[in-house]
Amino acid sequence: MGEDKKLGLVALVALVIGSMIGGGAFNLAGDIALGANAGAVLIGWAITGVGIIAMALVFQNLATRKPELDSGIYSYAKEGFGPFLGFNSAWGYWLSAWLGNIAYATLLFSSIGYFFPTFEGGQNIASIIGASIALWFVHYLVLRGIHSAAFINTITTIAKIIPIFLFILIAIIAFKWDTFTFDFWGSEGFSWGVVGEQVKSTMLVTLWVFIGVEGAVIMSGRAKRRSDIGKATVIGLVSVLLIYILISLLSLGIMPREELAELPNPAMAYILEDVVGKWGAIVINLGLIISVLGAWLGWTMFAAELPYVTAKDKMFPKWLAKENKNKAPVNALWLTNGLVQIFLITLLFSDKAYNFMFSLASSAILIPYMLSAFYQVKLTFTGETYAPDSSRTKDKVVGIIASIYGIWLVYAAGIDYLLLTMLLYAPGILLYKWTLKENQTKVKETKLDKALMVIIVILAIWALVGLITGKISL
């Protein structure tokens, strides 16, 4: 790939911000209010802020210390813990990417439904048809080449920031301290048990809106300068963290939590409509449409890139390594968007399709995130990449914090999402075995690998039984 086709710092920052600020930002206030009062939201953001900053620093450090690992999250897991866990990191990230695009689809057409009632709710037949058209339009853009798609993503990132800043400015003016502090801990007052449950309810929501922080790392093989990857990750994260905290806390000072929780998607539009009138909802819905299309484009790039680079490393089937004349991963793109098309039908069978899909996408990405954090911890203990007399304390602490955050998220997500995630991970075992056979790769399975395979299959069967008996619902 020529140097003129590589991605610079501005494009990488836009990619990180654009992939994080998708539809989630516009519905953040409503999603977070579903299960938490203002006090718990503050605690939730404190945990998320520390955890996600630690995770971003992990990605920055690994990008610097392991520049040869161009496949980002996947390659960290493989290098640190072997082929099977490396494969599962790639598999989980890929699952999260295209499941997230289904969440974007329903939110996009819920927003379009504000203008055209045919699409109201974003979960009907008309919405599925519209989402299918949007899906294949994005497919066409990515086929034109990663560089062209990244340029469009930069433009849409700038366009969608404007209505968000407008909302924050108006929300600051309309903020009422009495509304914010009313029922601060909930009707039962403060107790660790109640508040703890509220905090847990915010975790998948806050993780969902931060998925994409590793975007520059995923595209590291296409960056002009290696040093830009870490800079883009940190700049993007800090900017987005401030935006999210302001959106969620200011909203709780405009409307009581119960009202926020009942708002249709996107909640931000209806909050602003309550403050300034109909024009506010129009501006926000238009911003969301631009935002989701940009994020959908960015995540389609990520979703296609990972199977492509993994196939080049002979850990996914060979045919996924094919590029077209524009250097776009054509077969990986067809597979990914084909699955999105099939799963769009599930929008008809879930009461809250957006919430379900973003929760499942967040749950699926937990394993890739945790393995990256574990790898940093491993490097600090082994001393690999460190000079003999250099201090590793800071990196060790950051890696441990990120690891604890990842484990906490698995607990906070709850057993149902863990089981449903394993139902998606289980078919990956068959693909892993088949890929090794296709590439005639001899890998000695460790006792840990075998134990993990058994655990994944058992949990997947448990999930399947739960779905059949109705104990787990979509």
Protein backbone atom coordinates (compact mmCIF):
# COMPACT_ATOMS: atom_id res chain seq x y z
CA MET A 1 0.00 0.00 0.00
CA GLY A 2 1.45 3.40 -1.01
CA GLU A 3 2.28 5.98 1.65
CA ASP A 4 -0.43 8.29 0.26
CA LYS A 5 -3.00 5.59 1.04
CA LYS A 6 -1.92 5.25 4.67
CA LEU A 7 -3.94 6.81 7.52
CA GLY A 8 -2.56 9.88 9.33
CA LEU A 9 -3.16 11.07 12.91
CA VAL A 10 -6.32 13.06 12.08
CA ALA A 11 -7.90 10.11 10.26
CA LEU A 12 -6.97 7.73 13.11
CA VAL A 13 -8.37 10.08 15.80
CA ALA A 14 -11.56 10.46 13.73
CA LEU A 15 -11.73 6.68 13.40
CA VAL A 16 -11.48 6.23 17.19
CA ILE A 17 -13.97 9.01 18.00
CA GLY A 18 -16.25 8.06 15.10
CA SER A 19 -16.41 4.40 16.11
CA MET A 20 -17.05 5.23 19.78
CA ILE A 21 -19.59 7.99 19.18
CA GLY A 22 -22.12 6.04 17.20
CA GLY A 23 -25.75 5.73 18.13
CA GLY A 24 -24.97 4.97 21.77
CA ALA A 25 -24.19 8.60 22.62
CA PHE A 26 -27.63 9.73 21.44
CA ASN A 27 -29.46 7.16 23.56
CA LEU A 28 -27.01 7.12 26.49
CA ALA A 29 -29.21 9.13 28.87
CA GLY A 30 -32.18 6.80 28.42
CA ASP A 31 -30.16 3.57 28.54
CA ILE A 32 -28.29 4.49 31.69
CA ALA A 33 -31.48 5.73 33.41
CA LEU A 34 -33.17 2.35 32.95
CA GLY A 35 -31.47 0.93 36.01
CA ALA A 36 -29.60 3.66 37.89
CA ASN A 37 -30.21 6.92 39.78
CA ALA A 38 -27.83 9.87 39.69
CA GLY A 39 -25.64 8.68 42.58
CA ALA A 40 -25.09 5.25 41.05
CA VAL A 41 -24.44 6.84 37.65
CA LEU A 42 -21.63 8.91 39.17
CA ILE A 43 -20.07 5.80 40.72
CA GLY A 44 -20.54 3.92 37.44
CA TRP A 45 -18.72 6.62 35.49
CA ALA A 46 -15.90 6.67 38.04
CA ILE A 47 -15.40 2.91 37.60
CA THR A 48 -15.76 3.12 33.83
CA GLY A 49 -13.44 6.12 33.56
CA VAL A 50 -10.63 4.42 35.48
CA GLY A 51 -11.17 1.08 33.73
CA ILE A 52 -11.46 2.34 30.18
CA ILE A 53 -8.52 4.75 30.53
CA ALA A 54 -6.44 1.83 31.83
CA MET A 55 -7.60 -0.24 28.85
CA ALA A 56 -6.66 2.55 26.42
CA LEU A 57 -3.22 2.85 28.02
CA VAL A 58 -2.83 -0.91 27.59
CA PHE A 59 -3.52 -0.57 23.87
CA GLN A 60 -1.16 2.40 23.64
CA ASN A 61 1.63 0.58 25.47
CA LEU A 62 1.26 -2.64 23.50
CA ALA A 63 1.23 -0.74 20.20
CA THR A 64 4.52 0.88 21.22
CA ARG A 65 6.22 -2.19 22.72
CA LYS A 66 5.04 -4.68 20.12
CA PRO A 67 5.08 -2.74 16.82
CA GLU A 68 5.45 -5.96 14.84
CA LEU A 69 1.98 -7.12 15.98
CA ASP A 70 -0.01 -5.36 13.26
CA SER A 71 -3.24 -7.27 13.95
CA GLY A 72 -3.85 -5.49 17.24
CA ILE A 73 -6.15 -7.22 19.73
CA TYR A 74 -6.01 -10.61 18.00
CA SER A 75 -2.23 -10.68 17.78
CA TYR A 76 -1.79 -9.69 21.44
CA ALA A 77 -3.87 -12.66 22.59
CA LYS A 78 -2.11 -15.08 20.22
CA GLU A 79 1.37 -13.88 21.12
CA GLY A 80 0.64 -13.97 24.83
CA PHE A 81 -1.48 -17.08 25.25
CA GLY A 82 -1.28 -19.22 22.13
CA PRO A 83 -3.27 -19.84 18.93
CA PHE A 84 -6.57 -20.97 20.49
CA LEU A 85 -7.01 -17.92 22.70
CA GLY A 86 -5.72 -15.75 19.87
CA PHE A 87 -8.38 -17.18 17.60
CA ASN A 88 -11.08 -16.60 20.24
CA SER A 89 -9.97 -13.00 20.65
CA ALA A 90 -10.39 -12.44 16.91
CA TRP A 91 -13.64 -14.39 16.84
CA GLY A 92 -15.14 -12.46 19.79
CA TYR A 93 -14.11 -9.08 18.41
CA TRP A 94 -15.56 -9.93 15.02
CA LEU A 95 -18.83 -11.08 16.62
CA SER A 96 -19.04 -7.86 18.60
CA ALA A 97 -18.41 -5.73 15.51
CA TRP A 98 -21.20 -7.10 13.35
CA LEU A 99 -23.66 -7.55 16.23
CA GLY A 100 -23.10 -3.88 17.01
CA ASN A 101 -24.00 -3.01 13.44
CA ILE A 102 -27.40 -4.67 13.96
CA ALA A 103 -27.90 -2.44 17.02
CA TYR A 104 -27.02 0.55 14.83
CA ALA A 105 -29.58 -0.55 12.26
CA THR A 106 -32.53 -0.50 14.66
CA LEU A 107 -31.44 2.81 16.23
CA LEU A 108 -30.96 4.39 12.81
CA PHE A 109 -34.47 3.54 11.65
CA SER A 110 -35.99 4.42 14.99
CA SER A 111 -34.56 7.89 14.38
CA ILE A 112 -35.73 7.99 10.77
CA GLY A 113 -39.15 6.99 12.13
CA TYR A 114 -39.35 10.43 13.76
CA PHE A 115 -39.70 11.88 10.27
CA PHE A 116 -41.39 8.93 8.53
CA PRO A 117 -43.80 7.00 10.80
CA THR A 118 -43.51 3.93 8.53
CA PHE A 119 -40.22 3.16 10.31
CA GLU A 120 -41.44 4.00 13.83
CA GLY A 121 -39.62 1.98 16.48
CA GLY A 122 -36.98 0.70 14.03
CA GLN A 123 -38.05 -2.94 14.44
CA ASN A 124 -40.70 -3.51 11.74
CA ILE A 125 -40.59 -4.91 8.20
CA ALA A 126 -40.08 -1.45 6.67
CA SER A 127 -37.10 -0.84 8.97
CA ILE A 128 -35.53 -4.18 8.03
CA ILE A 129 -35.86 -3.35 4.32
CA GLY A 130 -34.40 0.12 4.90
CA ALA A 131 -31.58 -1.27 7.03
CA SER A 132 -30.77 -3.79 4.30
CA ILE A 133 -30.42 -0.99 1.73
CA ALA A 134 -28.17 0.96 4.13
CA LEU A 135 -26.12 -2.18 4.83
CA TRP A 136 -25.28 -2.78 1.19
CA PHE A 137 -24.59 0.91 0.55
CA VAL A 138 -21.98 0.82 3.34
CA HIS A 139 -20.70 -2.45 1.83
CA TYR A 140 -20.19 -0.66 -1.50
CA LEU A 141 -18.28 2.21 0.17
CA VAL A 142 -15.85 -0.14 1.93
CA LEU A 143 -15.32 -2.10 -1.30
CA ARG A 144 -14.05 1.16 -2.79
CA GLY A 145 -11.15 0.95 -0.35
CA ILE A 146 -10.29 1.45 3.31
CA HIS A 147 -8.73 4.87 2.66
CA SER A 148 -11.84 6.24 0.93
CA ALA A 149 -14.08 4.89 3.70
CA ALA A 150 -11.82 6.40 6.39
CA PHE A 151 -12.07 9.81 4.69
CA ILE A 152 -15.88 9.64 4.71
CA ASN A 153 -15.73 8.56 8.37
CA THR A 154 -13.67 11.68 9.20
CA ILE A 155 -16.31 13.93 7.61
CA THR A 156 -19.23 12.22 9.39
CA THR A 157 -17.38 12.39 12.72
CA ILE A 158 -17.12 16.18 12.44
CA ALA A 159 -20.78 16.45 11.36
CA LYS A 160 -22.17 14.42 14.25
CA ILE A 161 -20.16 16.23 16.95
CA ILE A 162 -22.02 19.48 16.22
CA PRO A 163 -25.51 18.43 17.46
CA ILE A 164 -23.95 16.73 20.51
CA PHE A 165 -22.16 19.94 21.48
CA LEU A 166 -25.41 21.87 20.90
CA PHE A 167 -27.22 19.47 23.26
CA ILE A 168 -24.52 19.85 25.94
CA LEU A 169 -24.60 23.66 25.71
CA ILE A 170 -28.41 23.84 26.01
CA ALA A 171 -28.45 21.16 28.73
CA ILE A 172 -26.01 23.21 30.86
CA ILE A 173 -28.39 26.18 30.65
CA ALA A 174 -31.49 24.05 31.37
CA PHE A 175 -29.88 21.98 34.16
CA LYS A 176 -31.76 22.03 37.49
CA TRP A 177 -29.86 20.99 40.62
CA ASP A 178 -33.07 20.01 42.43
CA THR A 179 -34.02 17.62 39.62
CA PHE A 180 -30.54 16.11 39.62
CA THR A 181 -30.44 15.52 43.38
CA PHE A 182 -34.06 14.37 43.77
CA ASP A 183 -34.17 10.64 44.58
CA PHE A 184 -30.36 10.69 44.27
CA TRP A 185 -29.83 7.09 45.42
CA GLY A 186 -33.32 5.76 44.67
CA SER A 187 -36.54 5.53 46.67
CA GLU A 188 -34.95 3.25 49.28
CA GLY A 189 -32.09 5.65 49.97
CA PHE A 190 -28.44 4.64 50.05
CA SER A 191 -27.51 1.04 50.71
CA TRP A 192 -24.57 -0.87 49.24
CA GLY A 193 -26.76 -3.69 47.94
CA VAL A 194 -29.23 -1.47 46.06
CA VAL A 195 -26.63 0.99 44.76
CA GLY A 196 -24.32 -1.87 43.77
CA GLU A 197 -27.04 -3.38 41.58
CA GLN A 198 -27.67 0.03 40.02
CA VAL A 199 -23.96 0.47 39.27
CA LYS A 200 -23.83 -3.00 37.70
CA SER A 201 -26.73 -2.05 35.43
CA THR A 202 -24.67 0.78 33.93
CA MET A 203 -21.64 -1.33 33.02
CA LEU A 204 -22.67 -2.82 29.66
CA VAL A 205 -24.14 0.54 28.67
CA THR A 206 -20.93 2.41 29.39
CA LEU A 207 -18.80 -0.31 27.78
CA TRP A 208 -20.98 -0.22 24.65
CA VAL A 209 -20.41 3.50 24.12
CA PHE A 210 -16.64 3.03 24.49
CA ILE A 211 -16.25 0.09 22.15
CA GLY A 212 -14.01 1.43 19.42
CA VAL A 213 -11.29 2.81 21.71
CA GLU A 214 -9.00 0.21 20.11
CA GLY A 215 -9.96 1.33 16.59
CA ALA A 216 -6.56 2.84 15.78
CA VAL A 217 -4.88 -0.37 16.98
CA ILE A 218 -7.06 -2.55 14.73
CA MET A 219 -6.04 -0.41 11.74
CA SER A 220 -2.39 -0.19 12.87
CA GLY A 221 -1.11 -1.92 9.75
CA ARG A 222 -2.53 0.95 7.68
CA ALA A 223 -1.16 3.86 9.79
CA LYS A 224 1.42 6.26 8.30
CA ARG A 225 3.36 6.48 11.57
CA ARG A 226 3.38 3.88 14.32
CA SER A 227 3.56 6.62 16.97
CA ASP A 228 0.19 8.00 15.83
CA ILE A 229 -1.66 4.87 17.00
CA GLY A 230 -1.17 5.48 20.72
CA LYS A 231 -1.76 9.24 20.37
CA ALA A 232 -5.02 8.69 18.48
CA THR A 233 -6.24 6.20 21.10
CA VAL A 234 -5.65 8.54 24.08
CA ILE A 235 -6.87 11.74 22.36
CA GLY A 236 -10.03 10.02 21.19
CA LEU A 237 -10.76 8.40 24.55
CA VAL A 238 -10.36 11.49 26.76
CA SER A 239 -12.50 13.58 24.39
CA VAL A 240 -15.30 11.03 24.29
CA LEU A 241 -15.22 10.31 28.05
CA LEU A 242 -15.88 13.98 28.83
CA ILE A 243 -18.72 14.11 26.28
CA TYR A 244 -20.42 11.00 27.69
CA ILE A 245 -20.22 12.11 31.32
CA LEU A 246 -21.75 15.47 30.42
CA ILE A 247 -24.57 13.90 28.37
CA SER A 248 -25.65 11.45 31.07
CA LEU A 249 -25.33 13.74 34.12
CA LEU A 250 -26.84 16.85 32.52
CA SER A 251 -29.83 14.82 31.30
CA LEU A 252 -30.56 13.74 34.89
CA GLY A 253 -30.76 17.44 35.77
CA ILE A 254 -33.40 18.09 33.12
CA MET A 255 -35.79 15.17 33.57
CA PRO A 256 -36.44 12.77 36.48
CA ARG A 257 -34.86 9.34 36.00
CA GLU A 258 -38.22 7.56 35.56
CA GLU A 259 -39.15 9.86 32.66
CA LEU A 260 -35.74 9.45 31.03
CA ALA A 261 -36.04 5.67 31.21
CA GLU A 262 -39.38 5.75 29.37
CA LEU A 263 -38.23 7.93 26.45
CA PRO A 264 -38.24 6.37 22.95
CA ASN A 265 -34.99 6.02 21.01
CA PRO A 266 -33.07 8.29 20.69
CA ALA A 267 -33.55 9.75 24.18
CA MET A 268 -31.40 12.82 23.49
CA ALA A 269 -33.85 14.05 20.85
CA TYR A 270 -36.82 13.94 23.21
CA ILE A 271 -34.87 15.58 26.05
CA LEU A 272 -33.94 18.50 23.81
CA GLU A 273 -37.50 18.65 22.45
CA ASP A 274 -38.72 19.04 26.03
CA VAL A 275 -36.38 22.00 26.53
CA VAL A 276 -36.50 23.93 23.24
CA GLY A 277 -39.34 22.42 21.22
CA LYS A 278 -39.63 20.30 18.09
CA TRP A 279 -36.65 21.79 16.29
CA GLY A 280 -34.36 20.31 18.97
CA ALA A 281 -35.57 16.78 18.23
CA ILE A 282 -35.16 17.38 14.50
CA VAL A 283 -31.53 18.49 14.91
CA ILE A 284 -30.66 15.55 17.16
CA ASN A 285 -32.36 12.96 14.94
CA LEU A 286 -30.54 14.30 11.88
CA GLY A 287 -27.29 14.19 13.87
CA LEU A 288 -27.97 10.62 14.92
CA ILE A 289 -28.64 9.53 11.34
CA ILE A 290 -25.27 10.96 10.27
CA SER A 291 -23.60 9.54 13.37
CA VAL A 292 -24.91 6.01 12.97
CA LEU A 293 -24.07 5.89 9.27
CA GLY A 294 -20.52 7.01 10.09
CA ALA A 295 -20.14 4.53 12.94
CA TRP A 296 -21.70 1.77 10.83
CA LEU A 297 -19.11 2.52 8.16
CA GLY A 298 -16.25 2.49 10.69
CA TRP A 299 -17.40 -0.76 12.30
CA THR A 300 -17.87 -2.42 8.92
CA MET A 301 -14.23 -1.57 8.23
CA PHE A 302 -13.17 -3.10 11.58
CA ALA A 303 -15.42 -6.14 11.15
CA ALA A 304 -13.95 -6.93 7.73
CA GLU A 305 -10.36 -6.09 8.64
CA LEU A 306 -10.06 -8.54 11.52
CA PRO A 307 -11.00 -11.76 9.64
CA TYR A 308 -8.77 -10.54 6.81
CA VAL A 309 -5.62 -10.05 8.92
CA THR A 310 -6.38 -13.21 10.91
CA ALA A 311 -6.72 -15.22 7.69
CA LYS A 312 -3.39 -13.82 6.47
CA ASP A 313 -1.93 -15.23 9.69
CA LYS A 314 -3.52 -18.62 8.83
CA MET A 315 -5.90 -18.56 11.83
CA PHE A 316 -9.09 -17.95 9.80
CA PRO A 317 -10.00 -19.70 6.52
CA LYS A 318 -7.74 -18.81 3.56
CA TRP A 319 -10.47 -17.33 1.38
CA LEU A 320 -11.01 -14.50 3.90
CA ALA A 321 -7.54 -13.14 3.07
CA LYS A 322 -8.58 -12.06 -0.44
CA GLU A 323 -8.38 -8.37 -1.39
CA ASN A 324 -9.97 -6.57 -4.32
CA LYS A 325 -8.20 -4.07 -6.59
CA ASN A 326 -8.84 -1.31 -4.00
CA LYS A 327 -7.08 -3.33 -1.27
CA ALA A 328 -10.40 -3.91 0.52
CA PRO A 329 -10.87 -7.31 2.26
CA VAL A 330 -13.61 -8.39 -0.11
CA ASN A 331 -14.48 -11.91 1.10
CA ALA A 332 -14.36 -10.94 4.79
CA LEU A 333 -16.69 -8.08 3.96
CA TRP A 334 -19.19 -10.32 2.12
CA LEU A 335 -19.25 -12.83 4.99
CA THR A 336 -19.68 -10.14 7.66
CA ASN A 337 -22.46 -8.23 5.92
CA GLY A 338 -24.16 -11.46 4.87
CA LEU A 339 -24.48 -12.40 8.55
CA VAL A 340 -25.74 -8.91 9.43
CA GLN A 341 -28.39 -9.27 6.73
CA ILE A 342 -29.56 -12.61 8.15
CA PHE A 343 -29.61 -11.37 11.74
CA LEU A 344 -31.57 -8.24 10.85
CA ILE A 345 -34.61 -10.52 10.88
CA THR A 346 -34.19 -10.93 14.67
CA LEU A 347 -35.37 -7.31 15.05
CA LEU A 348 -38.89 -8.69 14.73
CA PHE A 349 -38.54 -11.03 17.72
CA SER A 350 -37.15 -8.82 20.50
CA ASP A 351 -39.05 -6.22 22.50
CA LYS A 352 -35.96 -4.05 22.87
CA ALA A 353 -33.77 -5.12 19.95
CA TYR A 354 -31.34 -2.20 20.30
CA ASN A 355 -30.67 -2.85 24.01
CA PHE A 356 -30.35 -6.60 23.45
CA MET A 357 -27.94 -6.28 20.51
CA PHE A 358 -25.68 -3.69 22.13
CA SER A 359 -25.55 -5.75 25.34
CA LEU A 360 -24.64 -8.88 23.38
CA ALA A 361 -22.03 -6.97 21.36
CA SER A 362 -20.54 -5.57 24.59
CA SER A 363 -20.48 -9.01 26.19
CA ALA A 364 -18.79 -10.58 23.14
CA ILE A 365 -15.91 -8.11 23.23
CA LEU A 366 -15.08 -8.70 26.89
CA ILE A 367 -12.78 -11.66 26.18
CA PRO A 368 -10.65 -9.79 23.58
CA TYR A 369 -10.32 -6.81 25.95
CA MET A 370 -9.39 -8.98 28.94
CA LEU A 371 -6.79 -10.95 27.00
CA SER A 372 -5.10 -7.70 25.88
CA ALA A 373 -4.94 -6.52 29.51
CA PHE A 374 -3.64 -9.92 30.66
CA TYR A 375 -0.93 -9.75 27.97
CA GLN A 376 0.35 -6.42 29.27
CA VAL A 377 0.50 -7.87 32.79
CA LYS A 378 2.41 -10.87 31.42
CA LEU A 379 4.96 -8.61 29.67
CA THR A 380 5.60 -6.67 32.86
CA PHE A 381 6.25 -9.86 34.82
CA THR A 382 8.47 -11.53 32.20
CA GLY A 383 10.32 -8.30 31.40
CA GLU A 384 10.03 -8.85 27.65
CA THR A 385 10.54 -5.57 25.70
CA TYR A 386 11.80 -3.85 28.90
CA ALA A 387 15.40 -2.84 29.55
CA PRO A 388 16.90 -4.79 32.49
CA ASP A 389 17.13 -1.71 34.76
CA SER A 390 13.85 -0.05 33.71
CA SER A 391 10.82 0.32 35.95
CA ARG A 392 7.74 -1.69 35.02
CA THR A 393 5.60 -0.62 37.97
CA LYS A 394 3.39 1.87 36.10
CA ASP A 395 2.66 -0.52 33.24
CA LYS A 396 2.06 -3.37 35.69
CA VAL A 397 -0.47 -1.32 37.70
CA VAL A 398 -2.24 -0.17 34.52
CA GLY A 399 -2.43 -3.76 33.24
CA ILE A 400 -3.79 -5.06 36.55
CA ILE A 401 -6.44 -2.30 36.73
CA ALA A 402 -7.54 -3.04 33.15
CA SER A 403 -7.66 -6.78 33.95
CA ILE A 404 -9.77 -6.23 37.07
CA TYR A 405 -12.09 -3.96 35.08
CA GLY A 406 -12.54 -6.68 32.46
CA ILE A 407 -13.33 -9.34 35.08
CA TRP A 408 -15.75 -6.96 36.84
CA LEU A 409 -17.57 -6.39 33.54
CA VAL A 410 -18.13 -10.13 33.08
CA TYR A 411 -19.67 -10.23 36.57
CA ALA A 412 -21.72 -7.06 36.00
CA ALA A 413 -23.07 -8.30 32.66
CA GLY A 414 -24.80 -11.20 34.39
CA ILE A 415 -25.11 -14.92 33.70
CA ASP A 416 -27.62 -14.64 30.82
CA TYR A 417 -25.32 -12.58 28.62
CA LEU A 418 -22.34 -14.78 29.51
CA LEU A 419 -24.30 -17.86 28.39
CA LEU A 420 -25.57 -16.23 25.19
CA THR A 421 -22.03 -15.11 24.38
CA MET A 422 -20.73 -18.67 24.80
CA LEU A 423 -23.48 -19.82 22.43
CA LEU A 424 -21.82 -17.58 19.83
CA TYR A 425 -18.29 -18.63 20.78
CA ALA A 426 -18.98 -22.38 20.55
CA PRO A 427 -19.19 -22.59 16.70
CA GLY A 428 -15.80 -20.89 16.62
CA ILE A 429 -14.21 -24.06 18.01
CA LEU A 430 -15.24 -25.96 14.86
CA LEU A 431 -13.94 -23.16 12.63
CA TYR A 432 -10.65 -23.12 14.56
CA LYS A 433 -10.15 -26.88 14.06
CA TRP A 434 -11.08 -26.67 10.39
CA THR A 435 -8.73 -23.74 9.77
CA LEU A 436 -5.79 -25.56 11.34
CA LYS A 437 -6.53 -28.56 9.12
CA GLU A 438 -6.91 -26.41 5.99
CA ASN A 439 -3.57 -24.69 6.57
CA GLN A 440 -1.93 -27.94 7.74
CA THR A 441 -0.91 -26.11 10.91
CA LYS A 442 0.25 -28.31 13.74
CA VAL A 443 -0.68 -26.83 17.09
CA LYS A 444 -0.24 -28.67 20.35
CA GLU A 445 -3.36 -28.03 22.41
CA THR A 446 -2.57 -27.27 26.03
CA LYS A 447 -4.59 -28.53 28.97
CA LEU A 448 -5.92 -24.97 29.33
CA ASP A 449 -7.08 -24.96 25.68
CA LYS A 450 -8.93 -28.26 26.12
CA ALA A 451 -10.50 -27.15 29.39
CA LEU A 452 -11.69 -23.90 27.81
CA MET A 453 -13.22 -25.76 24.87
CA VAL A 454 -15.18 -28.00 27.24
CA ILE A 455 -16.35 -25.02 29.33
CA ILE A 456 -17.47 -23.07 26.24
CA VAL A 457 -19.47 -26.04 24.92
CA ILE A 458 -21.11 -26.72 28.31
CA LEU A 459 -22.11 -23.07 28.72
CA ALA A 460 -23.39 -22.96 25.13
CA ILE A 461 -25.60 -26.02 25.75
CA TRP A 462 -26.83 -24.39 28.96
CA ALA A 463 -27.75 -21.26 26.97
CA LEU A 464 -29.55 -23.31 24.32
CA VAL A 465 -31.60 -25.15 26.93
CA GLY A 466 -32.39 -21.81 28.59
CA LEU A 467 -33.66 -20.37 25.31
CA ILE A 468 -35.80 -23.44 24.59
CA THR A 469 -37.33 -23.50 28.07
CA GLY A 470 -37.82 -19.74 28.19
CA LYS A 471 -35.48 -19.18 31.14
CA ILE A 472 -33.37 -16.96 28.87
CA SER A 473 -35.24 -14.51 26.67
CA LEU A 474 -34.24 -12.35 23.76
